[in-house]
Protein backbone atom coordinates (compact mmCIF):
# COMPACT_ATOMS: atom_id res chain seq x y z
CA MET A 1 -69.98 11.84 -13.59
CA ILE A 2 -71.75 13.91 -10.87
CA LEU A 3 -72.80 17.17 -11.79
CA PRO A 4 -74.55 19.58 -9.61
CA GLU A 5 -77.88 20.04 -9.17
CA SER A 6 -79.75 22.74 -11.34
CA PRO A 7 -82.61 24.85 -10.63
CA LYS A 8 -83.36 24.97 -14.39
CA GLY A 9 -82.98 21.29 -15.22
CA CYS A 10 -80.68 22.14 -17.78
CA PRO A 11 -77.45 19.68 -18.20
CA MET A 12 -75.45 23.03 -19.56
CA ASP A 13 -76.25 24.62 -16.00
CA ALA A 14 -75.36 21.76 -14.12
CA LEU A 15 -71.91 21.60 -16.14
CA LEU A 16 -71.09 25.40 -15.74
CA ARG A 17 -71.92 25.33 -11.92
CA LEU A 18 -69.36 22.76 -11.71
CA LEU A 19 -66.70 24.79 -13.67
CA LYS A 20 -67.58 28.19 -12.28
CA GLY A 21 -64.69 28.04 -9.67
CA HIS A 22 -61.91 30.68 -10.72
CA TRP A 23 -59.38 27.59 -11.35
CA THR A 24 -61.17 25.08 -11.98
CA PRO A 25 -61.08 24.91 -15.88
CA TYR A 26 -57.19 25.83 -15.56
CA ILE A 27 -56.56 22.71 -13.58
CA ILE A 28 -58.42 20.37 -15.81
CA TRP A 29 -56.63 22.38 -18.92
CA THR A 30 -53.23 21.82 -17.12
CA LEU A 31 -53.91 18.18 -16.25
CA LYS A 32 -54.93 17.85 -20.11
CA ASP A 33 -52.02 19.38 -21.49
CA ALA A 34 -49.24 17.69 -18.90
CA GLY A 35 -50.80 14.62 -18.12
CA PRO A 36 -51.00 13.31 -14.62
CA LEU A 37 -48.86 15.54 -11.77
CA ARG A 38 -48.22 15.29 -8.42
CA PHE A 39 -49.60 18.02 -6.01
CA GLY A 40 -46.54 20.00 -5.91
CA VAL A 41 -45.77 20.35 -9.64
CA LEU A 42 -49.47 20.65 -10.35
CA ARG A 43 -49.35 23.93 -7.82
CA GLN A 44 -46.44 25.21 -9.82
CA GLU A 45 -48.19 24.80 -12.98
CA VAL A 46 -51.21 26.44 -12.03
CA ALA A 47 -49.44 30.01 -11.17
CA GLY A 48 -51.03 31.80 -8.38
CA ILE A 49 -53.28 29.07 -6.89
CA SER A 50 -52.91 28.65 -2.89
CA ALA A 51 -52.60 25.16 -1.50
CA LYS A 52 -55.93 25.37 0.58
CA ILE A 53 -57.67 26.19 -2.97
CA LEU A 54 -55.95 23.63 -5.21
CA THR A 55 -56.71 21.02 -2.37
CA GLU A 56 -60.29 22.38 -2.27
CA ARG A 57 -60.86 22.14 -6.35
CA LEU A 58 -59.04 18.79 -6.65
CA ARG A 59 -61.80 17.28 -4.15
CA LEU A 60 -64.30 18.86 -6.08
CA LEU A 61 -63.28 17.39 -9.06
CA GLN A 62 -62.31 14.24 -7.83
CA ALA A 63 -65.98 13.84 -6.27
CA ALA A 64 -67.58 14.92 -9.41
CA GLY A 65 -65.44 12.22 -11.35
CA LEU A 66 -63.39 14.23 -13.76
CA ILE A 67 -59.77 13.52 -11.79
CA TYR A 68 -58.34 10.75 -9.93
CA ARG A 69 -56.19 10.51 -7.03
CA HIS A 70 -53.44 8.13 -6.93
CA TYR A 71 -51.58 7.57 -3.49
CA GLU A 72 -48.70 5.68 -3.29
CA PRO A 73 -47.50 5.21 0.48
CA THR A 74 -43.78 5.71 0.43
CA ILE A 75 -41.83 8.24 2.40
CA PRO A 76 -42.88 11.47 1.77
CA PRO A 77 -46.11 10.04 0.22
CA GLN A 78 -46.56 10.62 -3.51
CA VAL A 79 -50.06 11.72 -4.49
CA THR A 80 -50.60 11.85 -8.23
CA TYR A 81 -53.46 13.80 -9.90
CA GLY A 82 -54.89 12.93 -13.38
CA LEU A 83 -58.00 13.07 -15.73
CA THR A 84 -60.46 10.33 -15.91
CA GLU A 85 -62.10 9.37 -19.18
CA ALA A 86 -64.93 11.93 -18.34
CA GLY A 87 -62.17 14.61 -17.34
CA ALA A 88 -60.44 13.85 -20.56
CA GLU A 89 -63.52 14.38 -22.59
CA LEU A 90 -63.79 17.94 -20.87
CA GLY A 91 -60.00 18.43 -21.53
CA ASP A 92 -60.74 18.01 -25.36
CA ALA A 93 -63.74 20.47 -25.16
CA LEU A 94 -61.52 23.00 -23.60
CA GLY A 95 -59.47 22.56 -26.71
CA GLY A 96 -61.90 24.28 -28.75
CA LEU A 97 -61.89 27.23 -26.06
CA TYR A 98 -57.85 27.07 -26.56
CA ASP A 99 -58.30 27.82 -30.46
CA VAL A 100 -60.37 30.41 -30.00
CA ALA A 101 -57.94 32.10 -27.60
CA CYS A 102 -54.94 31.49 -29.90
CA ARG A 103 -56.82 33.19 -32.80
CA TRP A 104 -58.14 36.07 -30.56
CA HIS A 105 -54.48 36.66 -29.12
CA LYS A 106 -53.35 36.75 -32.75
CA ALA A 107 -55.51 38.91 -33.85
CA SER A 108 -54.74 41.20 -31.08
CA GLY A 109 -51.21 41.59 -32.12
CA SER A 110 -50.00 40.44 -28.87
CA PRO A 111 -46.44 38.89 -28.71
């Protein structure tokens, strides 16, 4: 796993710098929830993201060692993205946030 430099030297600061992108945690959560996905399907699942931003975020997450990219040289080419072991660990941590979100959603009386 490769984390960005932290001016404070703090591991949490470095992790938050990696996750600070608007779509980054959402991509990780989607891959945790749905499993490995092809690019087009992942773009549909992460509603509202552009292809350019999704590509940038996937490259960032791949460089950090959180996701893998599997390329099949077929016609048309098939590219699948999924979580690495480190990405799955982070996905599990996001599960705690999901639990909080569900409790708060229920407490607010939202349907």
